[in-house]
Amino acid sequence: MVLSSFAAIHIAVACAAIGTMITTAETIRLWVAGAFGHEGLWSWRLIKEGYSPSTAALLAPIMSESAVLIILMARFLCSVSIIVLYVFRSSAIGPLFSLVLIHIFMRLRSKWGGEGGDQMITLVVISGLVADTWRDESAIVNAAALFIGAQITLSYVASGTAKLFGPLWRSGHALQKIMTQYTYGHHWLSQRLIRFPILGRILCYSVILFEASFFLFIVLPMPIALIYPIGGIVFHGAISFFMRLNLFFIVFVGTYPCLFFTREVFRSWLRL
């Protein structure tokens, strides 16, 4: 049984809120370590170089180290509020709108170091805001759920297609190179990929095939179509374990109810 568009969106937004809480806690830890201080990686002294002098002067009061901490605490509280309000089946327009503004602020304040999970969170939160604002308009709520489902499908297909044109992915060496990196690598897996090159080729081709063909989830019959969401759970679980990118698993898998809703809508349109 497929969930309603409203329930699917709430699950996606709740997962995005949990992901935001985790990301915020990690960012606060970096703040404590001095990452946003005068000599830190995200020092306003460095970030402001990306703006014109007049814009930097205008933004300076809200971009200070202390202001960032206040914003991070507000982001955490907004995320908690969303989950609590959803538990009591109440509207979360206020914290959702605040979270959108905070995401915009953090993109202005931290111009590097983001990831695809952050972008997906922003899209999901905006969709949740639209759905909660017009919760009595079924067409708008359905459109918001379809947007999330279409976005997650597009992100997979675009990523797989890009890999298809990447020489390292086609040669089967991409994962080996990634796993040898200090930040997102994994020593044990990198050694296995170096020792068994065929394993690297199989994994690279599998990722390309899975992502580039993800749109088939919409047209394939059940239970064959379940290969894709199950494959997605395995795929993001592996990324979480080997690359420590936990946000991807929570946020992307959290959108799957919207993906199932999108599948049913498109199949009804196509009379499948």
C-alpha atoms as a PDB file:
ATOM      1  CA  MET A   1       0.000   0.000   0.000  1.00  0.00           C
ATOM      2  CA  VAL A   2       1.417   3.390  -1.044  1.00  0.00           C
ATOM      3  CA  LEU A   3       1.319   6.219   1.490  1.00  0.00           C
ATOM      4  CA  SER A   4      -0.552   9.421   0.751  1.00  0.00           C
ATOM      5  CA  SER A   5       1.467  12.290  -0.674  1.00  0.00           C
ATOM      6  CA  PHE A   6       1.169  14.208   2.605  1.00  0.00           C
ATOM      7  CA  ALA A   7       2.416  11.282   4.718  1.00  0.00           C
ATOM      8  CA  ALA A   8       5.254  10.602   2.253  1.00  0.00           C
ATOM      9  CA  ILE A   9       6.386  14.229   2.426  1.00  0.00           C
ATOM     10  CA  HIS A  10       6.278  14.220   6.234  1.00  0.00           C
ATOM     11  CA  ILE A  11       8.486  11.120   6.356  1.00  0.00           C
ATOM     12  CA  ALA A  12      10.959  12.744   3.948  1.00  0.00           C
ATOM     13  CA  VAL A  13      10.989  15.990   5.926  1.00  0.00           C
ATOM     14  CA  ALA A  14      11.341  14.163   9.273  1.00  0.00           C
ATOM     15  CA  CYS A  15      14.378  12.277   7.912  1.00  0.00           C
ATOM     16  CA  ALA A  16      15.778  15.562   6.575  1.00  0.00           C
ATOM     17  CA  ALA A  17      15.272  17.095  10.034  1.00  0.00           C
ATOM     18  CA  ILE A  18      17.135  14.191  11.659  1.00  0.00           C
ATOM     19  CA  GLY A  19      19.912  14.610   9.105  1.00  0.00           C
ATOM     20  CA  THR A  20      20.039  18.334   9.851  1.00  0.00           C
ATOM     21  CA  MET A  21      20.336  17.621  13.581  1.00  0.00           C
ATOM     22  CA  ILE A  22      23.283  15.295  12.963  1.00  0.00           C
ATOM     23  CA  THR A  23      24.973  17.758  10.596  1.00  0.00           C
ATOM     24  CA  THR A  24      24.401  20.618  13.032  1.00  0.00           C
ATOM     25  CA  ALA A  25      25.892  18.657  15.931  1.00  0.00           C
ATOM     26  CA  GLU A  26      28.958  17.896  13.790  1.00  0.00           C
ATOM     27  CA  THR A  27      29.242  21.561  12.763  1.00  0.00           C
ATOM     28  CA  ILE A  28      28.985  22.727  16.391  1.00  0.00           C
ATOM     29  CA  ARG A  29      31.837  20.349  17.197  1.00  0.00           C
ATOM     30  CA  LEU A  30      33.865  22.028  14.439  1.00  0.00           C
ATOM     31  CA  TRP A  31      32.904  25.438  15.832  1.00  0.00           C
ATOM     32  CA  VAL A  32      34.211  24.413  19.257  1.00  0.00           C
ATOM     33  CA  ALA A  33      37.448  23.267  17.572  1.00  0.00           C
ATOM     34  CA  GLY A  34      37.857  26.771  16.103  1.00  0.00           C
ATOM     35  CA  ALA A  35      36.883  26.064  12.484  1.00  0.00           C
ATOM     36  CA  PHE A  36      34.856  29.296  12.327  1.00  0.00           C
ATOM     37  CA  GLY A  37      37.393  31.345  14.289  1.00  0.00           C
ATOM     38  CA  HIS A  38      39.834  33.886  12.889  1.00  0.00           C
ATOM     39  CA  GLU A  39      42.367  31.213  11.882  1.00  0.00           C
ATOM     40  CA  GLY A  40      39.838  28.507  11.051  1.00  0.00           C
ATOM     41  CA  LEU A  41      38.934  26.897   7.732  1.00  0.00           C
ATOM     42  CA  TRP A  42      35.595  28.756   7.651  1.00  0.00           C
ATOM     43  CA  SER A  43      36.907  32.027   9.053  1.00  0.00           C
ATOM     44  CA  TRP A  44      34.886  35.038   7.895  1.00  0.00           C
ATOM     45  CA  ARG A  45      38.279  36.586   7.108  1.00  0.00           C
ATOM     46  CA  LEU A  46      38.599  34.003   4.306  1.00  0.00           C
ATOM     47  CA  ILE A  47      34.945  33.625   3.294  1.00  0.00           C
ATOM     48  CA  LYS A  48      34.431  37.363   2.799  1.00  0.00           C
ATOM     49  CA  GLU A  49      36.998  37.368  -0.011  1.00  0.00           C
ATOM     50  CA  GLY A  50      34.317  35.794  -2.164  1.00  0.00           C
ATOM     51  CA  TYR A  51      32.113  38.877  -1.829  1.00  0.00           C
ATOM     52  CA  SER A  52      32.473  42.459  -2.923  1.00  0.00           C
ATOM     53  CA  PRO A  53      33.721  44.837  -0.175  1.00  0.00           C
ATOM     54  CA  SER A  54      30.291  46.449   0.180  1.00  0.00           C
ATOM     55  CA  THR A  55      28.486  43.074   0.425  1.00  0.00           C
ATOM     56  CA  ALA A  56      31.053  41.746   2.902  1.00  0.00           C
ATOM     57  CA  ALA A  57      30.618  44.846   5.086  1.00  0.00           C
ATOM     58  CA  LEU A  58      26.836  44.427   4.986  1.00  0.00           C
ATOM     59  CA  LEU A  59      26.991  40.741   5.951  1.00  0.00           C
ATOM     60  CA  ALA A  60      29.748  41.066   8.563  1.00  0.00           C
ATOM     61  CA  PRO A  61      27.463  41.578  11.639  1.00  0.00           C
ATOM     62  CA  ILE A  62      25.640  38.271  11.062  1.00  0.00           C
ATOM     63  CA  MET A  63      28.680  36.316   9.881  1.00  0.00           C
ATOM     64  CA  SER A  64      30.796  36.527  13.018  1.00  0.00           C
ATOM     65  CA  GLU A  65      31.924  33.454  14.918  1.00  0.00           C
ATOM     66  CA  SER A  66      29.411  34.014  17.737  1.00  0.00           C
ATOM     67  CA  ALA A  67      26.572  34.627  15.263  1.00  0.00           C
ATOM     68  CA  VAL A  68      27.301  31.294  13.567  1.00  0.00           C
ATOM     69  CA  LEU A  69      26.905  29.456  16.885  1.00  0.00           C
ATOM     70  CA  ILE A  70      23.544  31.135  17.504  1.00  0.00           C
ATOM     71  CA  ILE A  71      22.377  30.172  14.007  1.00  0.00           C
ATOM     72  CA  LEU A  72      23.529  26.579  14.487  1.00  0.00           C
ATOM     73  CA  MET A  73      21.644  26.285  17.766  1.00  0.00           C
ATOM     74  CA  ALA A  74      18.545  27.737  16.080  1.00  0.00           C
ATOM     75  CA  ARG A  75      18.894  25.195  13.259  1.00  0.00           C
ATOM     76  CA  PHE A  76      19.045  22.336  15.751  1.00  0.00           C
ATOM     77  CA  LEU A  77      15.971  23.604  17.627  1.00  0.00           C
ATOM     78  CA  CYS A  78      14.020  24.062  14.379  1.00  0.00           C
ATOM     79  CA  SER A  79      14.798  20.480  13.374  1.00  0.00           C
ATOM     80  CA  VAL A  80      13.640  19.141  16.741  1.00  0.00           C
ATOM     81  CA  SER A  81      10.498  21.291  16.546  1.00  0.00           C
ATOM     82  CA  ILE A  82       9.581  19.865  13.145  1.00  0.00           C
ATOM     83  CA  ILE A  83       9.728  16.298  14.399  1.00  0.00           C
ATOM     84  CA  VAL A  84       7.752  17.117  17.564  1.00  0.00           C
ATOM     85  CA  LEU A  85       5.056  18.959  15.599  1.00  0.00           C
ATOM     86  CA  TYR A  86       4.775  16.086  13.124  1.00  0.00           C
ATOM     87  CA  VAL A  87       4.381  13.598  15.986  1.00  0.00           C
ATOM     88  CA  PHE A  88       1.402  15.633  17.206  1.00  0.00           C
ATOM     89  CA  ARG A  89       0.155  16.036  13.604  1.00  0.00           C
ATOM     90  CA  SER A  90       0.507  19.807  13.727  1.00  0.00           C
ATOM     91  CA  SER A  91       1.676  22.220  11.064  1.00  0.00           C
ATOM     92  CA  ALA A  92       5.406  22.989  11.065  1.00  0.00           C
ATOM     93  CA  ILE A  93       5.306  26.062   8.815  1.00  0.00           C
ATOM     94  CA  GLY A  94       7.256  28.241  11.274  1.00  0.00           C
ATOM     95  CA  PRO A  95      10.279  25.974  11.836  1.00  0.00           C
ATOM     96  CA  LEU A  96      10.280  24.875   8.187  1.00  0.00           C
ATOM     97  CA  PHE A  97      10.413  28.472   6.953  1.00  0.00           C
ATOM     98  CA  SER A  98      13.122  29.268   9.519  1.00  0.00           C
ATOM     99  CA  LEU A  99      15.107  26.223   8.420  1.00  0.00           C
ATOM    100  CA  VAL A 100      14.993  27.348   4.779  1.00  0.00           C
ATOM    101  CA  LEU A 101      16.381  30.759   5.773  1.00  0.00           C
ATOM    102  CA  ILE A 102      19.063  29.141   7.918  1.00  0.00           C
ATOM    103  CA  HIS A 103      20.115  26.840   5.060  1.00  0.00           C
ATOM    104  CA  ILE A 104      20.493  29.908   2.835  1.00  0.00           C
ATOM    105  CA  PHE A 105      22.558  31.623   5.531  1.00  0.00           C
ATOM    106  CA  MET A 106      24.844  28.603   5.961  1.00  0.00           C
ATOM    107  CA  ARG A 107      25.439  28.425   2.204  1.00  0.00           C
ATOM    108  CA  LEU A 108      26.484  32.082   2.282  1.00  0.00           C
ATOM    109  CA  ARG A 109      28.656  31.546   5.369  1.00  0.00           C
ATOM    110  CA  SER A 110      30.265  28.215   4.404  1.00  0.00           C
ATOM    111  CA  LYS A 111      31.041  28.271   0.709  1.00  0.00           C
ATOM    112  CA  TRP A 112      32.909  24.993   0.712  1.00  0.00           C
ATOM    113  CA  GLY A 113      32.685  21.661   2.502  1.00  0.00           C
ATOM    114  CA  GLY A 114      29.066  20.850   1.597  1.00  0.00           C
ATOM    115  CA  GLU A 115      27.740  17.640   0.040  1.00  0.00           C
ATOM    116  CA  GLY A 116      24.823  16.361  -2.008  1.00  0.00           C
ATOM    117  CA  GLY A 117      22.914  15.461   1.144  1.00  0.00           C
ATOM    118  CA  ASP A 118      22.810  19.141   2.141  1.00  0.00           C
ATOM    119  CA  GLN A 119      21.288  20.098  -1.202  1.00  0.00           C
ATOM    120  CA  MET A 120      18.670  17.362  -0.967  1.00  0.00           C
ATOM    121  CA  ILE A 121      17.748  18.504   2.557  1.00  0.00           C
ATOM    122  CA  THR A 122      17.093  22.017   1.265  1.00  0.00           C
ATOM    123  CA  LEU A 123      14.833  20.741  -1.530  1.00  0.00           C
ATOM    124  CA  VAL A 124      12.931  18.434   0.825  1.00  0.00           C
ATOM    125  CA  VAL A 125      12.433  21.151   3.450  1.00  0.00           C
ATOM    126  CA  ILE A 126      11.140  23.597   0.816  1.00  0.00           C
ATOM    127  CA  SER A 127       8.742  20.922  -0.446  1.00  0.00           C
ATOM    128  CA  GLY A 128       7.600  20.286   3.121  1.00  0.00           C
ATOM    129  CA  LEU A 129       7.002  24.006   3.619  1.00  0.00           C
ATOM    130  CA  VAL A 130       4.886  24.144   0.458  1.00  0.00           C
ATOM    131  CA  ALA A 131       2.891  21.071   1.524  1.00  0.00           C
ATOM    132  CA  ASP A 132       2.256  22.387   5.041  1.00  0.00           C
ATOM    133  CA  THR A 133       1.317  25.870   3.805  1.00  0.00           C
ATOM    134  CA  TRP A 134      -1.280  24.489   1.366  1.00  0.00           C
ATOM    135  CA  ARG A 135      -2.079  21.263   3.221  1.00  0.00           C
ATOM    136  CA  ASP A 136      -5.773  21.446   2.218  1.00  0.00           C
ATOM    137  CA  GLU A 137      -4.920  21.729  -1.485  1.00  0.00           C
ATOM    138  CA  SER A 138      -4.373  18.121  -2.588  1.00  0.00           C
ATOM    139  CA  ALA A 139      -3.031  19.137  -6.011  1.00  0.00           C
ATOM    140  CA  ILE A 140      -0.261  21.231  -4.439  1.00  0.00           C
ATOM    141  CA  VAL A 141       0.618  18.553  -1.873  1.00  0.00           C
ATOM    142  CA  ASN A 142       0.727  15.924  -4.634  1.00  0.00           C
ATOM    143  CA  ALA A 143       2.952  18.204  -6.725  1.00  0.00           C
ATOM    144  CA  ALA A 144       5.349  18.639  -3.794  1.00  0.00           C
ATOM    145  CA  ALA A 145       5.618  14.857  -3.324  1.00  0.00           C
ATOM    146  CA  LEU A 146       6.095  14.375  -7.070  1.00  0.00           C
ATOM    147  CA  PHE A 147       8.834  17.002  -7.039  1.00  0.00           C
ATOM    148  CA  ILE A 148      10.760  15.099  -4.381  1.00  0.00           C
ATOM    149  CA  GLY A 149      10.271  11.785  -6.199  1.00  0.00           C
ATOM    150  CA  ALA A 150      11.328  13.276  -9.523  1.00  0.00           C
ATOM    151  CA  GLN A 151      14.309  15.017  -7.920  1.00  0.00           C
ATOM    152  CA  ILE A 152      15.653  11.852  -6.300  1.00  0.00           C
ATOM    153  CA  THR A 153      15.240   9.963  -9.593  1.00  0.00           C
ATOM    154  CA  LEU A 154      16.963  12.726 -11.534  1.00  0.00           C
ATOM    155  CA  SER A 155      19.837  12.871  -9.050  1.00  0.00           C
ATOM    156  CA  TYR A 156      20.518   9.147  -9.504  1.00  0.00           C
ATOM    157  CA  VAL A 157      20.231   9.206 -13.298  1.00  0.00           C
ATOM    158  CA  ALA A 158      22.359  12.362 -13.644  1.00  0.00           C
ATOM    159  CA  SER A 159      25.026  10.947 -11.349  1.00  0.00           C
ATOM    160  CA  GLY A 160      25.124   7.625 -13.193  1.00  0.00           C
ATOM    161  CA  THR A 161      25.265   9.313 -16.595  1.00  0.00           C
ATOM    162  CA  ALA A 162      28.118  11.570 -15.457  1.00  0.00           C
ATOM    163  CA  LYS A 163      30.032   8.516 -14.215  1.00  0.00           C
ATOM    164  CA  LEU A 164      29.456   6.818 -17.566  1.00  0.00           C
ATOM    165  CA  PHE A 165      31.443   9.609 -19.246  1.00  0.00           C
ATOM    166  CA  GLY A 166      34.167   9.544 -16.577  1.00  0.00           C
ATOM    167  CA  PRO A 167      37.336   7.686 -17.688  1.00  0.00           C
ATOM    168  CA  LEU A 168      38.151   6.488 -14.167  1.00  0.00           C
ATOM    169  CA  TRP A 169      34.682   5.017 -13.699  1.00  0.00           C
ATOM    170  CA  ARG A 170      34.717   3.319 -17.104  1.00  0.00           C
ATOM    171  CA  SER A 171      38.162   1.860 -16.425  1.00  0.00           C
ATOM    172  CA  GLY A 172      37.024   0.572 -13.030  1.00  0.00           C
ATOM    173  CA  HIS A 173      39.628   2.562 -11.054  1.00  0.00           C
ATOM    174  CA  ALA A 174      37.384   5.289  -9.597  1.00  0.00           C
ATOM    175  CA  LEU A 175      36.456   3.545  -6.342  1.00  0.00           C
ATOM    176  CA  GLN A 176      40.072   2.534  -5.787  1.00  0.00           C
ATOM    177  CA  LYS A 177      41.120   6.189  -6.059  1.00  0.00           C
ATOM    178  CA  ILE A 178      38.302   7.330  -3.756  1.00  0.00           C
ATOM    179  CA  MET A 179      39.041   4.717  -1.100  1.00  0.00           C
ATOM    180  CA  THR A 180      42.711   5.770  -0.916  1.00  0.00           C
ATOM    181  CA  GLN A 181      41.743   9.350   0.008  1.00  0.00           C
ATOM    182  CA  TYR A 182      42.324  10.415   3.616  1.00  0.00           C
ATOM    183  CA  THR A 183      39.008  12.215   4.173  1.00  0.00           C
ATOM    184  CA  TYR A 184      36.482   9.783   2.688  1.00  0.00           C
ATOM    185  CA  GLY A 185      38.617   6.715   2.061  1.00  0.00           C
ATOM    186  CA  HIS A 186      38.717   3.305   3.707  1.00  0.00           C
ATOM    187  CA  HIS A 187      42.080   1.555   4.036  1.00  0.00           C
ATOM    188  CA  TRP A 188      40.800  -2.035   4.137  1.00  0.00           C
ATOM    189  CA  LEU A 189      38.574  -1.627   1.060  1.00  0.00           C
ATOM    190  CA  SER A 190      41.259   0.279  -0.851  1.00  0.00           C
ATOM    191  CA  GLN A 191      43.689  -2.603  -0.306  1.00  0.00           C
ATOM    192  CA  ARG A 192      41.119  -5.134  -1.543  1.00  0.00           C
ATOM    193  CA  LEU A 193      40.463  -3.043  -4.659  1.00  0.00           C
ATOM    194  CA  ILE A 194      44.193  -2.741  -5.374  1.00  0.00           C
ATOM    195  CA  ARG A 195      44.734  -6.472  -4.879  1.00  0.00           C
ATOM    196  CA  PHE A 196      41.679  -7.510  -6.922  1.00  0.00           C
ATOM    197  CA  PRO A 197      41.194  -5.025  -9.811  1.00  0.00           C
ATOM    198  CA  ILE A 198      38.269  -7.055 -11.163  1.00  0.00           C
ATOM    199  CA  LEU A 199      36.360  -6.247  -7.962  1.00  0.00           C
ATOM    200  CA  GLY A 200      36.814  -2.526  -8.635  1.00  0.00           C
ATOM    201  CA  ARG A 201      35.504  -2.906 -12.174  1.00  0.00           C
ATOM    202  CA  ILE A 202      32.476  -4.881 -11.030  1.00  0.00           C
ATOM    203  CA  LEU A 203      31.629  -2.311  -8.360  1.00  0.00           C
ATOM    204  CA  CYS A 204      32.138   0.671 -10.688  1.00  0.00           C
ATOM    205  CA  TYR A 205      29.987  -0.851 -13.432  1.00  0.00           C
ATOM    206  CA  SER A 206      27.335  -1.818 -10.875  1.00  0.00           C
ATOM    207  CA  VAL A 207      27.096   1.740  -9.537  1.00  0.00           C
ATOM    208  CA  ILE A 208      26.857   3.184 -13.062  1.00  0.00           C
ATOM    209  CA  LEU A 209      24.181   0.676 -14.099  1.00  0.00           C
ATOM    210  CA  PHE A 210      22.165   1.153 -10.904  1.00  0.00           C
ATOM    211  CA  GLU A 211      22.174   4.954 -11.025  1.00  0.00           C
ATOM    212  CA  ALA A 212      21.813   5.509 -14.772  1.00  0.00           C
ATOM    213  CA  SER A 213      18.884   3.087 -15.050  1.00  0.00           C
ATOM    214  CA  PHE A 214      17.085   4.196 -11.889  1.00  0.00           C
ATOM    215  CA  PHE A 215      14.193   5.638 -13.917  1.00  0.00           C
ATOM    216  CA  LEU A 216      13.182   2.033 -14.691  1.00  0.00           C
ATOM    217  CA  PHE A 217      11.818   1.823 -11.141  1.00  0.00           C
ATOM    218  CA  ILE A 218       8.795   3.718 -12.431  1.00  0.00           C
ATOM    219  CA  VAL A 219       7.977   1.412 -15.356  1.00  0.00           C
ATOM    220  CA  LEU A 220       9.037  -2.042 -14.171  1.00  0.00           C
ATOM    221  CA  PRO A 221       6.346  -4.195 -12.522  1.00  0.00           C
ATOM    222  CA  MET A 222       6.477  -5.313  -8.919  1.00  0.00           C
ATOM    223  CA  PRO A 223       8.324  -7.066  -7.389  1.00  0.00           C
ATOM    224  CA  ILE A 224      11.082  -6.584 -10.008  1.00  0.00           C
ATOM    225  CA  ALA A 225      11.022  -2.800  -9.452  1.00  0.00           C
ATOM    226  CA  LEU A 226      11.997  -3.330  -5.806  1.00  0.00           C
ATOM    227  CA  ILE A 227      15.541  -3.984  -7.040  1.00  0.00           C
ATOM    228  CA  TYR A 228      16.046  -0.213  -7.118  1.00  0.00           C
ATOM    229  CA  PRO A 229      14.950   0.884  -3.606  1.00  0.00           C
ATOM    230  CA  ILE A 230      16.629  -2.186  -2.102  1.00  0.00           C
ATOM    231  CA  GLY A 231      19.718  -1.429  -4.154  1.00  0.00           C
ATOM    232  CA  GLY A 232      19.532   2.181  -2.959  1.00  0.00           C
ATOM    233  CA  ILE A 233      19.473   1.114   0.680  1.00  0.00           C
ATOM    234  CA  VAL A 234      22.516  -1.121   0.120  1.00  0.00           C
ATOM    235  CA  PHE A 235      24.259   1.592  -1.923  1.00  0.00           C
ATOM    236  CA  HIS A 236      23.784   4.351   0.661  1.00  0.00           C
ATOM    237  CA  GLY A 237      24.499   1.955   3.516  1.00  0.00           C
ATOM    238  CA  ALA A 238      27.862   1.168   1.911  1.00  0.00           C
ATOM    239  CA  ILE A 239      28.598   4.878   1.449  1.00  0.00           C
ATOM    240  CA  SER A 240      27.724   5.487   5.093  1.00  0.00           C
ATOM    241  CA  PHE A 241      29.963   2.647   6.309  1.00  0.00           C
ATOM    242  CA  PHE A 242      33.000   3.037   4.051  1.00  0.00           C
ATOM    243  CA  MET A 243      32.993   6.818   3.447  1.00  0.00           C
ATOM    244  CA  ARG A 244      31.356   7.976   6.704  1.00  0.00           C
ATOM    245  CA  LEU A 245      28.817  10.062   4.770  1.00  0.00           C
ATOM    246  CA  ASN A 246      25.896   9.187   7.038  1.00  0.00           C
ATOM    247  CA  LEU A 247      23.761  12.079   5.846  1.00  0.00           C
ATOM    248  CA  PHE A 248      23.254  10.474   2.432  1.00  0.00           C
ATOM    249  CA  PHE A 249      21.628   7.375   3.901  1.00  0.00           C
ATOM    250  CA  ILE A 250      19.191   9.230   6.152  1.00  0.00           C
ATOM    251  CA  VAL A 251      18.156  11.879   3.636  1.00  0.00           C
ATOM    252  CA  PHE A 252      18.068   9.897   0.383  1.00  0.00           C
ATOM    253  CA  VAL A 253      16.407   6.769   1.783  1.00  0.00           C
ATOM    254  CA  GLY A 254      13.975   9.053   3.623  1.00  0.00           C
ATOM    255  CA  THR A 255      12.671  10.269   0.254  1.00  0.00           C
ATOM    256  CA  TYR A 256      11.731   6.758  -0.901  1.00  0.00           C
ATOM    257  CA  PRO A 257       8.061   7.036   0.211  1.00  0.00           C
ATOM    258  CA  CYS A 258       7.781  10.001  -2.202  1.00  0.00           C
ATOM    259  CA  LEU A 259       9.520   7.847  -4.805  1.00  0.00           C
ATOM    260  CA  PHE A 260       6.862   5.140  -4.430  1.00  0.00           C
ATOM    261  CA  PHE A 261       4.112   7.782  -4.640  1.00  0.00           C
ATOM    262  CA  THR A 262       5.682   9.178  -7.811  1.00  0.00           C
ATOM    263  CA  ARG A 263       5.852   5.696  -9.294  1.00  0.00           C
ATOM    264  CA  GLU A 264       2.146   5.093  -8.751  1.00  0.00           C
ATOM    265  CA  VAL A 265       1.171   8.463 -10.221  1.00  0.00           C
ATOM    266  CA  PHE A 266       3.303   8.050 -13.334  1.00  0.00           C
ATOM    267  CA  ARG A 267       2.126   4.471 -13.866  1.00  0.00           C
ATOM    268  CA  SER A 268      -1.488   5.648 -13.682  1.00  0.00           C
ATOM    269  CA  TRP A 269      -0.717   8.368 -16.235  1.00  0.00           C
ATOM    270  CA  LEU A 270       0.973   5.817 -18.507  1.00  0.00           C
ATOM    271  CA  ARG A 271      -1.856   3.291 -17.862  1.00  0.00           C
ATOM    272  CA  LEU A 272       0.627   0.639 -16.766  1.00  0.00           C
END
